Amino acid sequence: GDLDFVASITPSAATSKIRFQAVLQTALSSTHFYGI
């Protein structure tokens, strides 16, 4: 399910790498495993 949280970047070269970092505050409506 899409959590409507997006970040975009326009790289300057295909030889670059993109470091993706996120700190997310999350919860689920019941007690069980969930993920991102």
PDB file of all heavy atoms in Angstrom:
ATOM      1  N   GLY A   1       0.825  -1.201   0.000  1.00  0.00           N
ATOM      2  CA  GLY A   1       0.000   0.000   0.000  1.00  0.00           C
ATOM      3  C   GLY A   1       0.858   1.250   0.000  1.00  0.00           C
ATOM      4  O   GLY A   1       1.803   1.367   0.787  1.00  0.00           O
ATOM      5  N   ASP A   2       0.561   2.188  -0.856  1.00  0.00           N
ATOM      6  CA  ASP A   2       1.322   3.430  -1.011  1.00  0.00           C
ATOM      7  C   ASP A   2       1.096   4.327   0.200  1.00  0.00           C
ATOM      8  O   ASP A   2      -0.032   4.730   0.483  1.00  0.00           O
ATOM      9  CB  ASP A   2       0.885   4.116  -2.296  1.00  0.00           C
ATOM     10  CG  ASP A   2       1.707   5.333  -2.649  1.00  0.00           C
ATOM     11  OD1 ASP A   2       2.553   5.764  -1.839  1.00  0.00           O
ATOM     12  OD2 ASP A   2       1.495   5.866  -3.754  1.00  0.00           O
ATOM     13  N   LEU A   3       2.175   4.668   0.920  1.00  0.00           N
ATOM     14  CA  LEU A   3       2.086   5.534   2.093  1.00  0.00           C
ATOM     15  C   LEU A   3       2.225   7.019   1.749  1.00  0.00           C
ATOM     16  O   LEU A   3       2.375   7.850   2.637  1.00  0.00           O
ATOM     17  CB  LEU A   3       3.130   5.126   3.137  1.00  0.00           C
ATOM     18  CG  LEU A   3       2.803   3.806   3.836  1.00  0.00           C
ATOM     19  CD1 LEU A   3       4.001   3.302   4.626  1.00  0.00           C
ATOM     20  CD2 LEU A   3       1.598   3.976   4.732  1.00  0.00           C
ATOM     21  N   ASP A   4       2.159   7.364   0.473  1.00  0.00           N
ATOM     22  CA  ASP A   4       2.143   8.753   0.014  1.00  0.00           C
ATOM     23  C   ASP A   4       3.310   9.567   0.576  1.00  0.00           C
ATOM     24  O   ASP A   4       3.137  10.671   1.065  1.00  0.00           O
ATOM     25  CB  ASP A   4       0.800   9.408   0.373  1.00  0.00           C
ATOM     26  CG  ASP A   4       0.597  10.721  -0.357  1.00  0.00           C
ATOM     27  OD1 ASP A   4       1.116  10.865  -1.483  1.00  0.00           O
ATOM     28  OD2 ASP A   4      -0.055  11.621   0.208  1.00  0.00           O
ATOM     29  N   PHE A   5       4.501   8.994   0.496  1.00  0.00           N
ATOM     30  CA  PHE A   5       5.712   9.691   0.929  1.00  0.00           C
ATOM     31  C   PHE A   5       6.769   9.449  -0.145  1.00  0.00           C
ATOM     32  O   PHE A   5       7.248   8.334  -0.319  1.00  0.00           O
ATOM     33  CB  PHE A   5       6.164   9.175   2.290  1.00  0.00           C
ATOM     34  CG  PHE A   5       7.256   9.982   2.940  1.00  0.00           C
ATOM     35  CD1 PHE A   5       7.461  11.318   2.624  1.00  0.00           C
ATOM     36  CD2 PHE A   5       8.070   9.410   3.892  1.00  0.00           C
ATOM     37  CE1 PHE A   5       8.457  12.066   3.235  1.00  0.00           C
ATOM     38  CE2 PHE A   5       9.075  10.142   4.516  1.00  0.00           C
ATOM     39  CZ  PHE A   5       9.269  11.470   4.183  1.00  0.00           C
ATOM     40  N   VAL A   6       7.110  10.517  -0.883  1.00  0.00           N
ATOM     41  CA  VAL A   6       7.971  10.422  -2.059  1.00  0.00           C
ATOM     42  C   VAL A   6       9.046  11.496  -1.991  1.00  0.00           C
ATOM     43  O   VAL A   6       8.777  12.631  -1.589  1.00  0.00           O
ATOM     44  CB  VAL A   6       7.150  10.623  -3.361  1.00  0.00           C
ATOM     45  CG1 VAL A   6       8.038  10.515  -4.588  1.00  0.00           C
ATOM     46  CG2 VAL A   6       6.003   9.646  -3.438  1.00  0.00           C
ATOM     47  N   ALA A   7      10.248  11.142  -2.427  1.00  0.00           N
ATOM     48  CA  ALA A   7      11.334  12.110  -2.599  1.00  0.00           C
ATOM     49  C   ALA A   7      11.926  11.895  -3.980  1.00  0.00           C
ATOM     50  O   ALA A   7      12.047  10.757  -4.438  1.00  0.00           O
ATOM     51  CB  ALA A   7      12.399  11.930  -1.529  1.00  0.00           C
ATOM     52  N   SER A   8      12.294  12.986  -4.654  1.00  0.00           N
ATOM     53  CA  SER A   8      12.819  12.901  -6.022  1.00  0.00           C
ATOM     54  C   SER A   8      14.132  13.651  -6.149  1.00  0.00           C
ATOM     55  O   SER A   8      14.360  14.657  -5.464  1.00  0.00           O
ATOM     56  CB  SER A   8      11.821  13.494  -7.016  1.00  0.00           C
ATOM     57  OG  SER A   8      10.619  12.767  -6.999  1.00  0.00           O
ATOM     58  N   ILE A   9      14.950  13.156  -7.069  1.00  0.00           N
ATOM     59  CA  ILE A   9      16.239  13.780  -7.352  1.00  0.00           C
ATOM     60  C   ILE A   9      16.511  13.605  -8.844  1.00  0.00           C
ATOM     61  O   ILE A   9      16.131  12.591  -9.429  1.00  0.00           O
ATOM     62  CB  ILE A   9      17.361  13.147  -6.490  1.00  0.00           C
ATOM     63  CG1 ILE A   9      18.649  13.952  -6.553  1.00  0.00           C
ATOM     64  CG2 ILE A   9      17.570  11.681  -6.832  1.00  0.00           C
ATOM     65  CD1 ILE A   9      19.690  13.548  -5.493  1.00  0.00           C
ATOM     66  N   THR A  10      17.148  14.591  -9.469  1.00  0.00           N
ATOM     67  CA  THR A  10      17.564  14.463 -10.862  1.00  0.00           C
ATOM     68  C   THR A  10      19.086  14.399 -10.884  1.00  0.00           C
ATOM     69  O   THR A  10      19.759  15.412 -10.645  1.00  0.00           O
ATOM     70  CB  THR A  10      17.055  15.648 -11.718  1.00  0.00           C
ATOM     71  OG1 THR A  10      15.625  15.685 -11.633  1.00  0.00           O
ATOM     72  CG2 THR A  10      17.471  15.480 -13.174  1.00  0.00           C
ATOM     73  N   PRO A  11      19.624  13.203 -11.105  1.00  0.00           N
ATOM     74  CA  PRO A  11      21.080  13.040 -11.087  1.00  0.00           C
ATOM     75  C   PRO A  11      21.756  13.796 -12.227  1.00  0.00           C
ATOM     76  O   PRO A  11      21.136  14.112 -13.235  1.00  0.00           O
ATOM     77  CB  PRO A  11      21.273  11.524 -11.265  1.00  0.00           C
ATOM     78  CG  PRO A  11      19.952  10.908 -10.958  1.00  0.00           C
ATOM     79  CD  PRO A  11      18.927  11.934 -11.318  1.00  0.00           C
ATOM     80  N   SER A  12      23.050  14.032 -12.062  1.00  0.00           N
ATOM     81  CA  SER A  12      23.810  14.711 -13.101  1.00  0.00           C
ATOM     82  C   SER A  12      24.505  13.728 -14.041  1.00  0.00           C
ATOM     83  O   SER A  12      24.910  14.110 -15.131  1.00  0.00           O
ATOM     84  CB  SER A  12      24.841  15.653 -12.472  1.00  0.00           C
ATOM     85  OG  SER A  12      25.710  14.928 -11.617  1.00  0.00           O
ATOM     86  N   ALA A  13      24.622  12.437 -13.637  1.00  0.00           N
ATOM     87  CA  ALA A  13      25.282  11.442 -14.498  1.00  0.00           C
ATOM     88  C   ALA A  13      24.834  10.030 -14.130  1.00  0.00           C
ATOM     89  O   ALA A  13      24.579   9.733 -12.964  1.00  0.00           O
ATOM     90  CB  ALA A  13      26.798  11.549 -14.354  1.00  0.00           C
ATOM     91  N   ALA A  14      24.770   9.158 -15.132  1.00  0.00           N
ATOM     92  CA  ALA A  14      24.384   7.758 -14.896  1.00  0.00           C
ATOM     93  C   ALA A  14      25.464   6.990 -14.146  1.00  0.00           C
ATOM     94  O   ALA A  14      25.212   5.906 -13.623  1.00  0.00           O
ATOM     95  CB  ALA A  14      24.074   7.064 -16.222  1.00  0.00           C
ATOM     96  N   THR A  15      26.660   7.543 -14.077  1.00  0.00           N
ATOM     97  CA  THR A  15      27.741   6.886 -13.330  1.00  0.00           C
ATOM     98  C   THR A  15      27.656   7.179 -11.837  1.00  0.00           C
ATOM     99  O   THR A  15      28.378   6.583 -11.052  1.00  0.00           O
ATOM    100  CB  THR A  15      29.114   7.329 -13.858  1.00  0.00           C
ATOM    101  OG1 THR A  15      29.189   8.767 -13.800  1.00  0.00           O
ATOM    102  CG2 THR A  15      29.324   6.844 -15.299  1.00  0.00           C
ATOM    103  N   SER A  16      26.779   8.105 -11.465  1.00  0.00           N
ATOM    104  CA  SER A  16      26.606   8.429 -10.041  1.00  0.00           C
ATOM    105  C   SER A  16      25.891   7.293  -9.322  1.00  0.00           C
ATOM    106  O   SER A  16      25.304   6.406  -9.941  1.00  0.00           O
ATOM    107  CB  SER A  16      25.764   9.703  -9.893  1.00  0.00           C
ATOM    108  OG  SER A  16      26.418  10.821 -10.422  1.00  0.00           O
ATOM    109  N   LYS A  17      25.913   7.354  -8.011  1.00  0.00           N
ATOM    110  CA  LYS A  17      25.119   6.487  -7.143  1.00  0.00           C
ATOM    111  C   LYS A  17      24.190   7.408  -6.352  1.00  0.00           C
ATOM    112  O   LYS A  17      24.510   8.575  -6.106  1.00  0.00           O
ATOM    113  CB  LYS A  17      26.000   5.711  -6.155  1.00  0.00           C
ATOM    114  CG  LYS A  17      27.086   4.892  -6.786  1.00  0.00           C
ATOM    115  CD  LYS A  17      26.554   3.631  -7.366  1.00  0.00           C
ATOM    116  CE  LYS A  17      27.708   2.749  -7.825  1.00  0.00           C
ATOM    117  NZ  LYS A  17      27.371   1.908  -8.916  1.00  0.00           N
ATOM    118  N   ILE A  18      23.028   6.870  -5.971  1.00  0.00           N
ATOM    119  CA  ILE A  18      22.105   7.623  -5.126  1.00  0.00           C
ATOM    120  C   ILE A  18      22.038   6.925  -3.774  1.00  0.00           C
ATOM    121  O   ILE A  18      21.708   5.735  -3.705  1.00  0.00           O
ATOM    122  CB  ILE A  18      20.693   7.724  -5.740  1.00  0.00           C
ATOM    123  CG1 ILE A  18      20.740   8.374  -7.130  1.00  0.00           C
ATOM    124  CG2 ILE A  18      19.749   8.475  -4.794  1.00  0.00           C
ATOM    125  CD1 ILE A  18      21.232   9.800  -7.160  1.00  0.00           C
ATOM    126  N   ARG A  19      22.356   7.662  -2.738  1.00  0.00           N
ATOM    127  CA  ARG A  19      22.205   7.120  -1.382  1.00  0.00           C
ATOM    128  C   ARG A  19      20.812   7.487  -0.888  1.00  0.00           C
ATOM    129  O   ARG A  19      20.460   8.660  -0.787  1.00  0.00           O
ATOM    130  CB  ARG A  19      23.259   7.681  -0.436  1.00  0.00           C
ATOM    131  CG  ARG A  19      23.173   7.060   0.950  1.00  0.00           C
ATOM    132  CD  ARG A  19      24.288   7.518   1.843  1.00  0.00           C
ATOM    133  NE  ARG A  19      24.242   6.794   3.108  1.00  0.00           N
ATOM    134  CZ  ARG A  19      25.006   7.078   4.132  1.00  0.00           C
ATOM    135  NH1 ARG A  19      25.890   8.082   4.049  1.00  0.00           N
ATOM    136  NH2 ARG A  19      24.901   6.391   5.242  1.00  0.00           N
ATOM    137  N   PHE A  20      20.025   6.453  -0.630  1.00  0.00           N
ATOM    138  CA  PHE A  20      18.670   6.600  -0.107  1.00  0.00           C
ATOM    139  C   PHE A  20      18.744   6.381   1.403  1.00  0.00           C
ATOM    140  O   PHE A  20      19.214   5.345   1.864  1.00  0.00           O
ATOM    141  CB  PHE A  20      17.741   5.559  -0.741  1.00  0.00           C
ATOM    142  CG  PHE A  20      16.399   5.461  -0.068  1.00  0.00           C
ATOM    143  CD1 PHE A  20      15.347   6.246  -0.480  1.00  0.00           C
ATOM    144  CD2 PHE A  20      16.195   4.592   1.000  1.00  0.00           C
ATOM    145  CE1 PHE A  20      14.112   6.171   0.156  1.00  0.00           C
ATOM    146  CE2 PHE A  20      14.976   4.506   1.636  1.00  0.00           C
ATOM    147  CZ  PHE A  20      13.926   5.298   1.213  1.00  0.00           C
ATOM    148  N   GLN A  21      18.288   7.365   2.166  1.00  0.00           N
ATOM    149  CA  GLN A  21      18.201   7.236   3.621  1.00  0.00           C
ATOM    150  C   GLN A  21      16.813   7.683   4.046  1.00  0.00           C
ATOM    151  O   GLN A  21      16.284   8.661   3.521  1.00  0.00           O
ATOM    152  CB  GLN A  21      19.244   8.119   4.316  1.00  0.00           C
ATOM    153  CG  GLN A  21      20.670   7.727   4.013  1.00  0.00           C
ATOM    154  CD  GLN A  21      21.646   8.759   4.554  1.00  0.00           C
ATOM    155  OE1 GLN A  21      21.764   9.852   4.001  1.00  0.00           O
ATOM    156  NE2 GLN A  21      22.322   8.405   5.628  1.00  0.00           N
ATOM    157  N   ALA A  22      16.241   6.963   4.991  1.00  0.00           N
ATOM    158  CA  ALA A  22      14.926   7.345   5.505  1.00  0.00           C
ATOM    159  C   ALA A  22      14.848   7.005   6.982  1.00  0.00           C
ATOM    160  O   ALA A  22      15.424   6.018   7.439  1.00  0.00           O
ATOM    161  CB  ALA A  22      13.817   6.627   4.748  1.00  0.00           C
ATOM    162  N   VAL A  23      14.153   7.854   7.704  1.00  0.00           N
ATOM    163  CA  VAL A  23      13.779   7.584   9.089  1.00  0.00           C
ATOM    164  C   VAL A  23      12.266   7.728   9.130  1.00  0.00           C
ATOM    165  O   VAL A  23      11.725   8.809   8.878  1.00  0.00           O
ATOM    166  CB  VAL A  23      14.455   8.551  10.084  1.00  0.00           C
ATOM    167  CG1 VAL A  23      13.981   8.272  11.502  1.00  0.00           C
ATOM    168  CG2 VAL A  23      15.973   8.431   9.990  1.00  0.00           C
ATOM    169  N   LEU A  24      11.599   6.590   9.374  1.00  0.00           N
ATOM    170  CA  LEU A  24      10.140   6.533   9.313  1.00  0.00           C
ATOM    171  C   LEU A  24       9.566   6.206  10.679  1.00  0.00           C
ATOM    172  O   LEU A  24      10.051   5.306  11.358  1.00  0.00           O
ATOM    173  CB  LEU A  24       9.701   5.466   8.309  1.00  0.00           C
ATOM    174  CG  LEU A  24      10.318   5.553   6.912  1.00  0.00           C
ATOM    175  CD1 LEU A  24       9.934   4.339   6.094  1.00  0.00           C
ATOM    176  CD2 LEU A  24       9.908   6.834   6.229  1.00  0.00           C
ATOM    177  N   GLN A  25       8.501   6.915  11.061  1.00  0.00           N
ATOM    178  CA  GLN A  25       7.760   6.657  12.297  1.00  0.00           C
ATOM    179  C   GLN A  25       6.513   5.888  11.881  1.00  0.00           C
ATOM    180  O   GLN A  25       5.645   6.443  11.219  1.00  0.00           O
ATOM    181  CB  GLN A  25       7.375   7.972  12.976  1.00  0.00           C
ATOM    182  CG  GLN A  25       8.507   8.967  13.098  1.00  0.00           C
ATOM    183  CD  GLN A  25       9.533   8.598  14.152  1.00  0.00           C
ATOM    184  OE1 GLN A  25       9.255   7.850  15.079  1.00  0.00           O
ATOM    185  NE2 GLN A  25      10.728   9.124  14.004  1.00  0.00           N
ATOM    186  N   THR A  26       6.422   4.599  12.224  1.00  0.00           N
ATOM    187  CA  THR A  26       5.381   3.735  11.674  1.00  0.00           C
ATOM    188  C   THR A  26       4.605   2.995  12.762  1.00  0.00           C
ATOM    189  O   THR A  26       5.063   2.847  13.883  1.00  0.00           O
ATOM    190  CB  THR A  26       6.000   2.682  10.742  1.00  0.00           C
ATOM    191  OG1 THR A  26       6.865   1.841  11.513  1.00  0.00           O
ATOM    192  CG2 THR A  26       6.773   3.323   9.604  1.00  0.00           C
ATOM    193  N   ALA A  27       3.427   2.498  12.388  1.00  0.00           N
ATOM    194  CA  ALA A  27       2.619   1.648  13.259  1.00  0.00           C
ATOM    195  C   ALA A  27       1.629   0.868  12.406  1.00  0.00           C
ATOM    196  O   ALA A  27       1.383   1.198  11.248  1.00  0.00           O
ATOM    197  CB  ALA A  27       1.871   2.476  14.301  1.00  0.00           C
ATOM    198  N   LEU A  28       1.066  -0.179  13.013  1.00  0.00           N
ATOM    199  CA  LEU A  28       0.042  -1.006  12.380  1.00  0.00           C
ATOM    200  C   LEU A  28      -1.125  -1.102  13.342  1.00  0.00           C
ATOM    201  O   LEU A  28      -0.953  -1.020  14.560  1.00  0.00           O
ATOM    202  CB  LEU A  28       0.603  -2.400  12.079  1.00  0.00           C
ATOM    203  CG  LEU A  28      -0.263  -3.334  11.244  1.00  0.00           C
ATOM    204  CD1 LEU A  28      -0.359  -2.835   9.791  1.00  0.00           C
ATOM    205  CD2 LEU A  28       0.315  -4.750  11.249  1.00  0.00           C
ATOM    206  N   SER A  29      -2.332  -1.295  12.816  1.00  0.00           N
ATOM    207  CA  SER A  29      -3.537  -1.309  13.655  1.00  0.00           C
ATOM    208  C   SER A  29      -3.719  -2.600  14.451  1.00  0.00           C
ATOM    209  O   SER A  29      -4.707  -2.744  15.155  1.00  0.00           O
ATOM    210  CB  SER A  29      -4.777  -1.056  12.783  1.00  0.00           C
ATOM    211  OG  SER A  29      -4.913  -2.082  11.819  1.00  0.00           O
ATOM    212  N   SER A  30      -2.785  -3.542  14.347  1.00  0.00           N
ATOM    213  CA  SER A  30      -2.878  -4.767  15.144  1.00  0.00           C
ATOM    214  C   SER A  30      -1.484  -5.284  15.450  1.00  0.00           C
ATOM    215  O   SER A  30      -0.495  -4.746  14.959  1.00  0.00           O
ATOM    216  CB  SER A  30      -3.683  -5.833  14.398  1.00  0.00           C
ATOM    217  OG  SER A  30      -2.960  -6.256  13.263  1.00  0.00           O
ATOM    218  N   THR A  31      -1.410  -6.323  16.256  1.00  0.00           N
ATOM    219  CA  THR A  31      -0.113  -6.859  16.656  1.00  0.00           C
ATOM    220  C   THR A  31       0.329  -7.972  15.717  1.00  0.00           C
ATOM    221  O   THR A  31      -0.155  -9.087  15.771  1.00  0.00           O
ATOM    222  CB  THR A  31      -0.179  -7.408  18.091  1.00  0.00           C
ATOM    223  OG1 THR A  31      -1.193  -8.404  18.138  1.00  0.00           O
ATOM    224  CG2 THR A  31      -0.472  -6.329  19.087  1.00  0.00           C
ATOM    225  N   HIS A  32       1.248  -7.662  14.835  1.00  0.00           N
ATOM    226  CA  HIS A  32       1.824  -8.658  13.947  1.00  0.00           C
ATOM    227  C   HIS A  32       2.954  -8.007  13.171  1.00  0.00           C
ATOM    228  O   HIS A  32       3.226  -6.814  13.317  1.00  0.00           O
ATOM    229  CB  HIS A  32       0.758  -9.233  13.000  1.00  0.00           C
ATOM    230  CG  HIS A  32       1.063 -10.623  12.526  1.00  0.00           C
ATOM    231  ND1 HIS A  32       1.417 -11.643  13.360  1.00  0.00           N
ATOM    232  CD2 HIS A  32       1.071 -11.155  11.285  1.00  0.00           C
ATOM    233  CE1 HIS A  32       1.615 -12.751  12.668  1.00  0.00           C
ATOM    234  NE2 HIS A  32       1.413 -12.471  11.395  1.00  0.00           N
ATOM    235  N   PHE A  33       3.590  -8.774  12.288  1.00  0.00           N
ATOM    236  CA  PHE A  33       4.678  -8.249  11.476  1.00  0.00           C
ATOM    237  C   PHE A  33       4.143  -7.296  10.398  1.00  0.00           C
ATOM    238  O   PHE A  33       3.088  -7.506   9.831  1.00  0.00           O
ATOM    239  CB  PHE A  33       5.432  -9.420  10.829  1.00  0.00           C
ATOM    240  CG  PHE A  33       5.754  -9.241   9.374  1.00  0.00           C
ATOM    241  CD1 PHE A  33       6.819  -8.440   8.986  1.00  0.00           C
ATOM    242  CD2 PHE A  33       5.011  -9.857   8.388  1.00  0.00           C
ATOM    243  CE1 PHE A  33       7.127  -8.266   7.643  1.00  0.00           C
ATOM    244  CE2 PHE A  33       5.308  -9.692   7.042  1.00  0.00           C
ATOM    245  CZ  PHE A  33       6.370  -8.892   6.678  1.00  0.00           C
ATOM    246  N   TYR A  34       4.897  -6.241  10.162  1.00  0.00           N
ATOM    247  CA  TYR A  34       4.639  -5.392   8.999  1.00  0.00           C
ATOM    248  C   TYR A  34       5.977  -4.892   8.475  1.00  0.00           C
ATOM    249  O   TYR A  34       7.012  -5.063   9.125  1.00  0.00           O
ATOM    250  CB  TYR A  34       3.681  -4.235   9.308  1.00  0.00           C
ATOM    251  CG  TYR A  34       4.204  -3.179  10.237  1.00  0.00           C
ATOM    252  CD1 TYR A  34       4.763  -2.005   9.742  1.00  0.00           C
ATOM    253  CD2 TYR A  34       4.123  -3.327  11.611  1.00  0.00           C
ATOM    254  CE1 TYR A  34       5.230  -1.017  10.587  1.00  0.00           C
ATOM    255  CE2 TYR A  34       4.585  -2.343  12.465  1.00  0.00           C
ATOM    256  CZ  TYR A  34       5.139  -1.196  11.953  1.00  0.00           C
ATOM    257  OH  TYR A  34       5.601  -0.217  12.796  1.00  0.00           O
ATOM    258  N   GLY A  35       5.950  -4.314   7.306  1.00  0.00           N
ATOM    259  CA  GLY A  35       7.206  -3.875   6.737  1.00  0.00           C
ATOM    260  C   GLY A  35       7.044  -2.757   5.739  1.00  0.00           C
ATOM    261  O   GLY A  35       5.940  -2.329   5.413  1.00  0.00           O
ATOM    262  N   ILE A  36       8.199  -2.314   5.271  1.00  0.00           N
ATOM    263  CA  ILE A  36       8.294  -1.228   4.294  1.00  0.00           C
ATOM    264  C   ILE A  36       9.041  -1.746   3.079  1.00  0.00           C
ATOM    265  O   ILE A  36      10.065  -2.423   3.206  1.00  0.00           O
ATOM    266  CB  ILE A  36       9.067  -0.027   4.889  1.00  0.00           C
ATOM    267  CG1 ILE A  36       8.346   0.570   6.088  1.00  0.00           C
ATOM    268  CG2 ILE A  36       9.371   1.019   3.823  1.00  0.00           C
ATOM    269  CD1 ILE A  36       7.033   1.229   5.764  1.00  0.00           C
TER     270      ILE A  36
END
